[in-house]
Amino acid sequence: MSKLYFVWDVLGRHKYLMVLIGIVIIVGFVDENSFWRRRARLDEMGTLRAEILKYKTKYEEDSKELERMDDHYYVEKLARERYYLQREGEDIFVLVDEDAQ
């Protein structure tokens, strides 16, 4: 009986410390908004911001490309280079660098 009384006495004297330790454990590790999960979400936000920046730059490049599409000569050049289109009676020769492949 004396061991049970000793444990109860220690818990009674340090009840505020025990409650504080319990709160720190719950908030720090167990809770849905714990410090660990918060850190993981901050890391995820960093990667998402980098992805947003990548898509913004891609959007700006594509917008500039779209503005250049108003020029008839640019569209013709693009069609010839990318899609190997040709006029009637023309021959196209495609040179491929085998070392690059």
PDB file of N, CA and C in Angstrom:
ATOM      1  N   MET A   1       0.814  -1.200   0.000  1.00  0.00           N
ATOM      2  CA  MET A   1       0.000   0.000   0.000  1.00  0.00           C
ATOM      3  C   MET A   1       0.854   1.258   0.000  1.00  0.00           C
ATOM      4  N   SER A   2       2.037   1.140   0.540  1.00  0.00           N
ATOM      5  CA  SER A   2       2.886   2.324   0.648  1.00  0.00           C
ATOM      6  C   SER A   2       3.395   2.764  -0.725  1.00  0.00           C
ATOM      7  N   LYS A   3       3.591   1.798  -1.677  1.00  0.00           N
ATOM      8  CA  LYS A   3       4.042   2.180  -3.025  1.00  0.00           C
ATOM      9  C   LYS A   3       2.955   2.963  -3.746  1.00  0.00           C
ATOM     10  N   LEU A   4       1.709   2.533  -3.611  1.00  0.00           N
ATOM     11  CA  LEU A   4       0.604   3.243  -4.228  1.00  0.00           C
ATOM     12  C   LEU A   4       0.448   4.631  -3.618  1.00  0.00           C
ATOM     13  N   TYR A   5       0.610   4.741  -2.340  1.00  0.00           N
ATOM     14  CA  TYR A   5       0.534   6.028  -1.666  1.00  0.00           C
ATOM     15  C   TYR A   5       1.674   6.938  -2.129  1.00  0.00           C
ATOM     16  N   PHE A   6       2.862   6.387  -2.338  1.00  0.00           N
ATOM     17  CA  PHE A   6       4.018   7.174  -2.795  1.00  0.00           C
ATOM     18  C   PHE A   6       3.774   7.715  -4.201  1.00  0.00           C
ATOM     19  N   VAL A   7       3.264   6.876  -5.106  1.00  0.00           N
ATOM     20  CA  VAL A   7       2.974   7.322  -6.472  1.00  0.00           C
ATOM     21  C   VAL A   7       1.904   8.401  -6.452  1.00  0.00           C
ATOM     22  N   TRP A   8       0.855   8.193  -5.664  1.00  0.00           N
ATOM     23  CA  TRP A   8      -0.217   9.180  -5.576  1.00  0.00           C
ATOM     24  C   TRP A   8       0.299  10.493  -4.990  1.00  0.00           C
ATOM     25  N   ASP A   9       1.195  10.419  -4.049  1.00  0.00           N
ATOM     26  CA  ASP A   9       1.778  11.609  -3.438  1.00  0.00           C
ATOM     27  C   ASP A   9       2.640  12.384  -4.446  1.00  0.00           C
ATOM     28  N   VAL A  10       3.447  11.657  -5.253  1.00  0.00           N
ATOM     29  CA  VAL A  10       4.295  12.310  -6.262  1.00  0.00           C
ATOM     30  C   VAL A  10       3.418  12.971  -7.328  1.00  0.00           C
ATOM     31  N   LEU A  11       2.390  12.274  -7.792  1.00  0.00           N
ATOM     32  CA  LEU A  11       1.479  12.855  -8.774  1.00  0.00           C
ATOM     33  C   LEU A  11       0.733  14.068  -8.206  1.00  0.00           C
ATOM     34  N   GLY A  12       0.392  14.030  -6.943  1.00  0.00           N
ATOM     35  CA  GLY A  12      -0.297  15.149  -6.316  1.00  0.00           C
ATOM     36  C   GLY A  12       0.591  16.375  -6.191  1.00  0.00           C
ATOM     37  N   ARG A  13       1.863  16.171  -5.908  1.00  0.00           N
ATOM     38  CA  ARG A  13       2.769  17.311  -5.770  1.00  0.00           C
ATOM     39  C   ARG A  13       3.166  17.910  -7.115  1.00  0.00           C
ATOM     40  N   HIS A  14       3.196  17.112  -8.154  1.00  0.00           N
ATOM     41  CA  HIS A  14       3.654  17.569  -9.468  1.00  0.00           C
ATOM     42  C   HIS A  14       2.542  17.535 -10.512  1.00  0.00           C
ATOM     43  N   LYS A  15       1.324  17.797 -10.072  1.00  0.00           N
ATOM     44  CA  LYS A  15       0.189  17.702 -10.996  1.00  0.00           C
ATOM     45  C   LYS A  15       0.259  18.742 -12.113  1.00  0.00           C
ATOM     46  N   TYR A  16       0.731  19.928 -11.852  1.00  0.00           N
ATOM     47  CA  TYR A  16       0.821  20.949 -12.905  1.00  0.00           C
ATOM     48  C   TYR A  16       1.892  20.590 -13.931  1.00  0.00           C
ATOM     49  N   LEU A  17       2.993  20.023 -13.468  1.00  0.00           N
ATOM     50  CA  LEU A  17       4.047  19.588 -14.377  1.00  0.00           C
ATOM     51  C   LEU A  17       3.551  18.439 -15.255  1.00  0.00           C
ATOM     52  N   MET A  18       2.805  17.509 -14.685  1.00  0.00           N
ATOM     53  CA  MET A  18       2.268  16.391 -15.459  1.00  0.00           C
ATOM     54  C   MET A  18       1.272  16.879 -16.523  1.00  0.00           C
ATOM     55  N   VAL A  19       0.427  17.847 -16.170  1.00  0.00           N
ATOM     56  CA  VAL A  19      -0.528  18.394 -17.122  1.00  0.00           C
ATOM     57  C   VAL A  19       0.216  19.124 -18.241  1.00  0.00           C
ATOM     58  N   LEU A  20       1.248  19.875 -17.883  1.00  0.00           N
ATOM     59  CA  LEU A  20       2.039  20.590 -18.879  1.00  0.00           C
ATOM     60  C   LEU A  20       2.745  19.619 -19.828  1.00  0.00           C
ATOM     61  N   ILE A  21       3.309  18.561 -19.315  1.00  0.00           N
ATOM     62  CA  ILE A  21       3.959  17.550 -20.159  1.00  0.00           C
ATOM     63  C   ILE A  21       2.928  16.879 -21.074  1.00  0.00           C
ATOM     64  N   GLY A  22       1.757  16.593 -20.551  1.00  0.00           N
ATOM     65  CA  GLY A  22       0.697  15.999 -21.369  1.00  0.00           C
ATOM     66  C   GLY A  22       0.264  16.917 -22.498  1.00  0.00           C
ATOM     67  N   ILE A  23       0.126  18.199 -22.212  1.00  0.00           N
ATOM     68  CA  ILE A  23      -0.266  19.159 -23.251  1.00  0.00           C
ATOM     69  C   ILE A  23       0.807  19.261 -24.323  1.00  0.00           C
ATOM     70  N   VAL A  24       2.077  19.294 -23.920  1.00  0.00           N
ATOM     71  CA  VAL A  24       3.168  19.375 -24.887  1.00  0.00           C
ATOM     72  C   VAL A  24       3.194  18.138 -25.774  1.00  0.00           C
ATOM     73  N   ILE A  25       2.967  16.985 -25.202  1.00  0.00           N
ATOM     74  CA  ILE A  25       2.948  15.751 -26.004  1.00  0.00           C
ATOM     75  C   ILE A  25       1.779  15.761 -26.980  1.00  0.00           C
ATOM     76  N   ILE A  26       0.618  16.172 -26.518  1.00  0.00           N
ATOM     77  CA  ILE A  26      -0.550  16.192 -27.403  1.00  0.00           C
ATOM     78  C   ILE A  26      -0.374  17.201 -28.520  1.00  0.00           C
ATOM     79  N   VAL A  27       0.031  18.417 -28.182  1.00  0.00           N
ATOM     80  CA  VAL A  27       0.176  19.469 -29.190  1.00  0.00           C
ATOM     81  C   VAL A  27       1.364  19.195 -30.099  1.00  0.00           C
ATOM     82  N   GLY A  28       2.427  18.652 -29.570  1.00  0.00           N
ATOM     83  CA  GLY A  28       3.636  18.464 -30.361  1.00  0.00           C
ATOM     84  C   GLY A  28       3.625  17.245 -31.251  1.00  0.00           C
ATOM     85  N   PHE A  29       2.950  16.185 -30.864  1.00  0.00           N
ATOM     86  CA  PHE A  29       3.084  14.934 -31.601  1.00  0.00           C
ATOM     87  C   PHE A  29       1.760  14.298 -32.011  1.00  0.00           C
ATOM     88  N   VAL A  30       0.744  14.351 -31.196  1.00  0.00           N
ATOM     89  CA  VAL A  30      -0.472  13.571 -31.418  1.00  0.00           C
ATOM     90  C   VAL A  30      -1.525  14.332 -32.223  1.00  0.00           C
ATOM     91  N   ASP A  31      -1.646  15.606 -31.989  1.00  0.00           N
ATOM     92  CA  ASP A  31      -2.698  16.416 -32.586  1.00  0.00           C
ATOM     93  C   ASP A  31      -2.593  16.469 -34.111  1.00  0.00           C
ATOM     94  N   GLU A  32      -3.723  16.730 -34.767  1.00  0.00           N
ATOM     95  CA  GLU A  32      -3.725  16.829 -36.222  1.00  0.00           C
ATOM     96  C   GLU A  32      -2.912  18.023 -36.701  1.00  0.00           C
ATOM     97  N   ASN A  33      -2.822  19.057 -35.905  1.00  0.00           N
ATOM     98  CA  ASN A  33      -2.038  20.246 -36.239  1.00  0.00           C
ATOM     99  C   ASN A  33      -0.727  20.268 -35.453  1.00  0.00           C
ATOM    100  N   SER A  34      -0.089  19.133 -35.321  1.00  0.00           N
ATOM    101  CA  SER A  34       1.133  19.046 -34.533  1.00  0.00           C
ATOM    102  C   SER A  34       2.288  19.723 -35.243  1.00  0.00           C
ATOM    103  N   PHE A  35       3.374  19.881 -34.506  1.00  0.00           N
ATOM    104  CA  PHE A  35       4.555  20.530 -35.068  1.00  0.00           C
ATOM    105  C   PHE A  35       5.135  19.730 -36.222  1.00  0.00           C
ATOM    106  N   TRP A  36       5.105  18.417 -36.150  1.00  0.00           N
ATOM    107  CA  TRP A  36       5.645  17.579 -37.220  1.00  0.00           C
ATOM    108  C   TRP A  36       4.841  17.736 -38.492  1.00  0.00           C
ATOM    109  N   ARG A  37       3.532  17.694 -38.364  1.00  0.00           N
ATOM    110  CA  ARG A  37       2.683  17.838 -39.551  1.00  0.00           C
ATOM    111  C   ARG A  37       2.750  19.259 -40.104  1.00  0.00           C
ATOM    112  N   ARG A  38       2.899  20.223 -39.214  1.00  0.00           N
ATOM    113  CA  ARG A  38       3.040  21.611 -39.661  1.00  0.00           C
ATOM    114  C   ARG A  38       4.307  21.764 -40.488  1.00  0.00           C
ATOM    115  N   ARG A  39       5.386  21.155 -40.059  1.00  0.00           N
ATOM    116  CA  ARG A  39       6.647  21.226 -40.798  1.00  0.00           C
ATOM    117  C   ARG A  39       6.512  20.547 -42.169  1.00  0.00           C
ATOM    118  N   ALA A  40       5.820  19.427 -42.207  1.00  0.00           N
ATOM    119  CA  ALA A  40       5.604  18.734 -43.480  1.00  0.00           C
ATOM    120  C   ALA A  40       4.768  19.591 -44.425  1.00  0.00           C
ATOM    121  N   ARG A  41       3.760  20.267 -43.899  1.00  0.00           N
ATOM    122  CA  ARG A  41       2.934  21.133 -44.740  1.00  0.00           C
ATOM    123  C   ARG A  41       3.723  22.340 -45.249  1.00  0.00           C
ATOM    124  N   LEU A  42       4.611  22.884 -44.437  1.00  0.00           N
ATOM    125  CA  LEU A  42       5.446  23.996 -44.883  1.00  0.00           C
ATOM    126  C   LEU A  42       6.383  23.557 -46.004  1.00  0.00           C
ATOM    127  N   ASP A  43       6.934  22.359 -45.897  1.00  0.00           N
ATOM    128  CA  ASP A  43       7.775  21.827 -46.977  1.00  0.00           C
ATOM    129  C   ASP A  43       6.968  21.653 -48.258  1.00  0.00           C
ATOM    130  N   GLU A  44       5.756  21.133 -48.117  1.00  0.00           N
ATOM    131  CA  GLU A  44       4.889  20.943 -49.280  1.00  0.00           C
ATOM    132  C   GLU A  44       4.522  22.285 -49.911  1.00  0.00           C
ATOM    133  N   MET A  45       4.292  23.298 -49.071  1.00  0.00           N
ATOM    134  CA  MET A  45       3.990  24.626 -49.596  1.00  0.00           C
ATOM    135  C   MET A  45       5.168  25.179 -50.387  1.00  0.00           C
ATOM    136  N   GLY A  46       6.381  24.908 -49.940  1.00  0.00           N
ATOM    137  CA  GLY A  46       7.556  25.362 -50.668  1.00  0.00           C
ATOM    138  C   GLY A  46       7.653  24.733 -52.041  1.00  0.00           C
ATOM    139  N   THR A  47       7.405  23.444 -52.128  1.00  0.00           N
ATOM    140  CA  THR A  47       7.449  22.781 -53.429  1.00  0.00           C
ATOM    141  C   THR A  47       6.316  23.267 -54.332  1.00  0.00           C
ATOM    142  N   LEU A  48       5.137  23.505 -53.761  1.00  0.00           N
ATOM    143  CA  LEU A  48       4.017  24.005 -54.559  1.00  0.00           C
ATOM    144  C   LEU A  48       4.276  25.419 -55.067  1.00  0.00           C
ATOM    145  N   ARG A  49       4.921  26.247 -54.236  1.00  0.00           N
ATOM    146  CA  ARG A  49       5.262  27.605 -54.695  1.00  0.00           C
ATOM    147  C   ARG A  49       6.270  27.558 -55.835  1.00  0.00           C
ATOM    148  N   ALA A  50       7.223  26.651 -55.745  1.00  0.00           N
ATOM    149  CA  ALA A  50       8.193  26.502 -56.839  1.00  0.00           C
ATOM    150  C   ALA A  50       7.488  26.044 -58.114  1.00  0.00           C
ATOM    151  N   GLU A  51       6.526  25.149 -57.974  1.00  0.00           N
ATOM    152  CA  GLU A  51       5.769  24.677 -59.138  1.00  0.00           C
ATOM    153  C   GLU A  51       4.917  25.792 -59.730  1.00  0.00           C
ATOM    154  N   ILE A  52       4.335  26.624 -58.875  1.00  0.00           N
ATOM    155  CA  ILE A  52       3.544  27.759 -59.350  1.00  0.00           C
ATOM    156  C   ILE A  52       4.428  28.720 -60.133  1.00  0.00           C
ATOM    157  N   LEU A  53       5.630  28.979 -59.631  1.00  0.00           N
ATOM    158  CA  LEU A  53       6.559  29.858 -60.327  1.00  0.00           C
ATOM    159  C   LEU A  53       6.948  29.290 -61.688  1.00  0.00           C
ATOM    160  N   LYS A  54       7.150  27.973 -61.731  1.00  0.00           N
ATOM    161  CA  LYS A  54       7.484  27.317 -62.999  1.00  0.00           C
ATOM    162  C   LYS A  54       6.354  27.486 -64.009  1.00  0.00           C
ATOM    163  N   TYR A  55       5.119  27.297 -63.565  1.00  0.00           N
ATOM    164  CA  TYR A  55       3.989  27.423 -64.481  1.00  0.00           C
ATOM    165  C   TYR A  55       3.746  28.870 -64.897  1.00  0.00           C
ATOM    166  N   LYS A  56       4.038  29.825 -64.006  1.00  0.00           N
ATOM    167  CA  LYS A  56       3.897  31.229 -64.384  1.00  0.00           C
ATOM    168  C   LYS A  56       4.883  31.606 -65.473  1.00  0.00           C
ATOM    169  N   THR A  57       6.124  31.161 -65.348  1.00  0.00           N
ATOM    170  CA  THR A  57       7.110  31.467 -66.387  1.00  0.00           C
ATOM    171  C   THR A  57       6.739  30.785 -67.696  1.00  0.00           C
ATOM    172  N   LYS A  58       6.246  29.559 -67.621  1.00  0.00           N
ATOM    173  CA  LYS A  58       5.805  28.852 -68.829  1.00  0.00           C
ATOM    174  C   LYS A  58       4.634  29.585 -69.477  1.00  0.00           C
ATOM    175  N   TYR A  59       3.732  30.100 -68.673  1.00  0.00           N
ATOM    176  CA  TYR A  59       2.586  30.857 -69.184  1.00  0.00           C
ATOM    177  C   TYR A  59       3.054  32.125 -69.890  1.00  0.00           C
ATOM    178  N   GLU A  60       4.011  32.826 -69.289  1.00  0.00           N
ATOM    179  CA  GLU A  60       4.522  34.052 -69.909  1.00  0.00           C
ATOM    180  C   GLU A  60       5.207  33.747 -71.240  1.00  0.00           C
ATOM    181  N   GLU A  61       5.994  32.681 -71.289  1.00  0.00           N
ATOM    182  CA  GLU A  61       6.648  32.295 -72.544  1.00  0.00           C
ATOM    183  C   GLU A  61       5.621  31.936 -73.613  1.00  0.00           C
ATOM    184  N   ASP A  62       4.598  31.195 -73.220  1.00  0.00           N
ATOM    185  CA  ASP A  62       3.562  30.809 -74.185  1.00  0.00           C
ATOM    186  C   ASP A  62       2.747  32.016 -74.645  1.00  0.00           C
ATOM    187  N   SER A  63       2.537  32.981 -73.760  1.00  0.00           N
ATOM    188  CA  SER A  63       1.814  34.194 -74.145  1.00  0.00           C
ATOM    189  C   SER A  63       2.610  34.985 -75.176  1.00  0.00           C
ATOM    190  N   LYS A  64       3.916  35.080 -74.965  1.00  0.00           N
ATOM    191  CA  LYS A  64       4.762  35.772 -75.939  1.00  0.00           C
ATOM    192  C   LYS A  64       4.743  35.031 -77.281  1.00  0.00           C
ATOM    193  N   GLU A  65       4.783  33.723 -77.228  1.00  0.00           N
ATOM    194  CA  GLU A  65       4.729  32.908 -78.448  1.00  0.00           C
ATOM    195  C   GLU A  65       3.400  33.128 -79.174  1.00  0.00           C
ATOM    196  N   LEU A  66       2.334  33.217 -78.432  1.00  0.00           N
ATOM    197  CA  LEU A  66       1.021  33.440 -79.026  1.00  0.00           C
ATOM    198  C   LEU A  66       0.933  34.813 -79.679  1.00  0.00           C
ATOM    199  N   GLU A  67       1.542  35.817 -79.069  1.00  0.00           N
ATOM    200  CA  GLU A  67       1.557  37.151 -79.670  1.00  0.00           C
ATOM    201  C   GLU A  67       2.352  37.153 -80.970  1.00  0.00           C
ATOM    202  N   ARG A  68       3.406  36.360 -81.015  1.00  0.00           N
ATOM    203  CA  ARG A  68       4.209  36.291 -82.227  1.00  0.00           C
ATOM    204  C   ARG A  68       3.488  35.543 -83.348  1.00  0.00           C
ATOM    205  N   MET A  69       2.447  34.799 -83.017  1.00  0.00           N
ATOM    206  CA  MET A  69       1.700  34.037 -84.020  1.00  0.00           C
ATOM    207  C   MET A  69       0.922  34.939 -84.975  1.00  0.00           C
ATOM    208  N   ASP A  70       0.784  36.219 -84.653  1.00  0.00           N
ATOM    209  CA  ASP A  70       0.099  37.140 -85.565  1.00  0.00           C
ATOM    210  C   ASP A  70       0.920  37.374 -86.833  1.00  0.00           C
ATOM    211  N   ASP A  71       2.214  37.183 -86.748  1.00  0.00           N
ATOM    212  CA  ASP A  71       3.089  37.397 -87.896  1.00  0.00           C
ATOM    213  C   ASP A  71       3.053  36.170 -88.814  1.00  0.00           C
ATOM    214  N   HIS A  72       2.685  36.386 -90.066  1.00  0.00           N
ATOM    215  CA  HIS A  72       2.558  35.290 -91.036  1.00  0.00           C
ATOM    216  C   HIS A  72       3.894  34.593 -91.284  1.00  0.00           C
ATOM    217  N   TYR A  73       4.975  35.349 -91.322  1.00  0.00           N
ATOM    218  CA  TYR A  73       6.281  34.759 -91.604  1.00  0.00           C
ATOM    219  C   TYR A  73       6.776  33.899 -90.434  1.00  0.00           C
ATOM    220  N   TYR A  74       6.444  34.301 -89.236  1.00  0.00           N
ATOM    221  CA  TYR A  74       6.833  33.503 -88.069  1.00  0.00           C
ATOM    222  C   TYR A  74       6.087  32.172 -88.059  1.00  0.00           C
ATOM    223  N   VAL A  75       4.809  32.186 -88.405  1.00  0.00           N
ATOM    224  CA  VAL A  75       4.019  30.953 -88.430  1.00  0.00           C
ATOM    225  C   VAL A  75       4.568  30.010 -89.490  1.00  0.00           C
ATOM    226  N   GLU A  76       4.927  30.559 -90.638  1.00  0.00           N
ATOM    227  CA  GLU A  76       5.493  29.726 -91.695  1.00  0.00           C
ATOM    228  C   GLU A  76       6.829  29.121 -91.260  1.00  0.00           C
ATOM    229  N   LYS A  77       7.669  29.923 -90.635  1.00  0.00           N
ATOM    230  CA  LYS A  77       8.965  29.434 -90.148  1.00  0.00           C
ATOM    231  C   LYS A  77       8.771  28.326 -89.114  1.00  0.00           C
ATOM    232  N   LEU A  78       7.829  28.541 -88.216  1.00  0.00           N
ATOM    233  CA  LEU A  78       7.536  27.556 -87.173  1.00  0.00           C
ATOM    234  C   LEU A  78       7.029  26.255 -87.779  1.00  0.00           C
ATOM    235  N   ALA A  79       6.160  26.347 -88.754  1.00  0.00           N
ATOM    236  CA  ALA A  79       5.608  25.150 -89.393  1.00  0.00           C
ATOM    237  C   ALA A  79       6.694  24.378 -90.124  1.00  0.00           C
ATOM    238  N   ARG A  80       7.615  25.088 -90.728  1.00  0.00           N
ATOM    239  CA  ARG A  80       8.690  24.413 -91.451  1.00  0.00           C
ATOM    240  C   ARG A  80       9.681  23.746 -90.495  1.00  0.00           C
ATOM    241  N   GLU A  81      10.014  24.414 -89.406  1.00  0.00           N
ATOM    242  CA  GLU A  81      11.028  23.881 -88.494  1.00  0.00           C
ATOM    243  C   GLU A  81      10.498  22.756 -87.608  1.00  0.00           C
ATOM    244  N   ARG A  82       9.346  22.953 -87.047  1.00  0.00           N
ATOM    245  CA  ARG A  82       8.835  21.970 -86.087  1.00  0.00           C
ATOM    246  C   ARG A  82       8.101  20.806 -86.742  1.00  0.00           C
ATOM    247  N   TYR A  83       7.306  21.113 -87.754  1.00  0.00           N
ATOM    248  CA  TYR A  83       6.407  20.103 -88.300  1.00  0.00           C
ATOM    249  C   TYR A  83       6.813  19.638 -89.704  1.00  0.00           C
ATOM    250  N   TYR A  84       7.937  20.138 -90.191  1.00  0.00           N
ATOM    251  CA  TYR A  84       8.490  19.740 -91.488  1.00  0.00           C
ATOM    252  C   TYR A  84       7.488  19.904 -92.623  1.00  0.00           C
ATOM    253  N   LEU A  85       6.717  20.977 -92.568  1.00  0.00           N
ATOM    254  CA  LEU A  85       5.767  21.248 -93.646  1.00  0.00           C
ATOM    255  C   LEU A  85       6.527  21.840 -94.827  1.00  0.00           C
ATOM    256  N   GLN A  86       5.984  21.635 -96.012  1.00  0.00           N
ATOM    257  CA  GLN A  86       6.670  22.111 -97.220  1.00  0.00           C
ATOM    258  C   GLN A  86       5.659  22.672 -98.198  1.00  0.00           C
ATOM    259  N   ARG A  87       6.179  23.484 -99.072  1.00  0.00           N
ATOM    260  CA  ARG A  87       5.340  24.000-100.146  1.00  0.00           C
ATOM    261  C   ARG A  87       5.293  22.957-101.259  1.00  0.00           C
ATOM    262  N   GLU A  88       4.409  23.166-102.163  1.00  0.00           N
ATOM    263  CA  GLU A  88       4.273  22.241-103.270  1.00  0.00           C
ATOM    264  C   GLU A  88       5.519  22.316-104.158  1.00  0.00           C
ATOM    265  N   GLY A  89       6.093  21.169-104.450  1.00  0.00           N
ATOM    266  CA  GLY A  89       7.269  21.109-105.297  1.00  0.00           C
ATOM    267  C   GLY A  89       8.574  21.226-104.538  1.00  0.00           C
ATOM    268  N   GLU A  90       8.539  21.346-103.211  1.00  0.00           N
ATOM    269  CA  GLU A  90       9.765  21.448-102.420  1.00  0.00           C
ATOM    270  C   GLU A  90      10.131  20.085-101.854  1.00  0.00           C
ATOM    271  N   ASP A  91      11.395  19.891-101.633  1.00  0.00           N
ATOM    272  CA  ASP A  91      11.871  18.697-100.943  1.00  0.00           C
ATOM    273  C   ASP A  91      12.505  19.124 -99.629  1.00  0.00           C
ATOM    274  N   ILE A  92      12.271  18.339 -98.581  1.00  0.00           N
ATOM    275  CA  ILE A  92      12.830  18.653 -97.274  1.00  0.00           C
ATOM    276  C   ILE A  92      13.801  17.552 -96.895  1.00  0.00           C
ATOM    277  N   PHE A  93      14.963  17.958 -96.454  1.00  0.00           N
ATOM    278  CA  PHE A  93      15.967  17.028 -95.967  1.00  0.00           C
ATOM    279  C   PHE A  93      16.164  17.286 -94.478  1.00  0.00           C
ATOM    280  N   VAL A  94      15.977  16.252 -93.664  1.00  0.00           N
ATOM    281  CA  VAL A  94      16.140  16.357 -92.228  1.00  0.00           C
ATOM    282  C   VAL A  94      17.471  15.743 -91.851  1.00  0.00           C
ATOM    283  N   LEU A  95      18.304  16.542 -91.229  1.00  0.00           N
ATOM    284  CA  LEU A  95      19.617  16.067 -90.790  1.00  0.00           C
ATOM    285  C   LEU A  95      19.545  15.741 -89.301  1.00  0.00           C
ATOM    286  N   VAL A  96      19.922  14.532 -88.963  1.00  0.00           N
ATOM    287  CA  VAL A  96      19.851  14.076 -87.595  1.00  0.00           C
ATOM    288  C   VAL A  96      21.247  13.811 -87.089  1.00  0.00           C
ATOM    289  N   ASP A  97      21.558  14.351 -85.917  1.00  0.00           N
ATOM    290  CA  ASP A  97      22.855  14.141 -85.296  1.00  0.00           C
ATOM    291  C   ASP A  97      22.758  12.838 -84.484  1.00  0.00           C
ATOM    292  N   GLU A  98      23.464  11.807 -84.895  1.00  0.00           N
ATOM    293  CA  GLU A  98      23.374  10.507 -84.234  1.00  0.00           C
ATOM    294  C   GLU A  98      24.050  10.517 -82.870  1.00  0.00           C
ATOM    295  N   ASP A  99      25.019  11.392 -82.665  1.00  0.00           N
ATOM    296  CA  ASP A  99      25.688  11.485 -81.365  1.00  0.00           C
ATOM    297  C   ASP A  99      24.759  12.072 -80.305  1.00  0.00           C
ATOM    298  N   ALA A 100      23.867  12.955 -80.703  1.00  0.00           N
ATOM    299  CA  ALA A 100      22.938  13.576 -79.746  1.00  0.00           C
ATOM    300  C   ALA A 100      21.889  12.584 -79.276  1.00  0.00           C
ATOM    301  N   GLN A 101      21.577  11.598 -80.080  1.00  0.00           N
ATOM    302  CA  GLN A 101      20.574  10.622 -79.686  1.00  0.00           C
ATOM    303  C   GLN A 101      21.212   9.567 -78.866  1.00  0.00           C
TER     304      GLN A 101
END
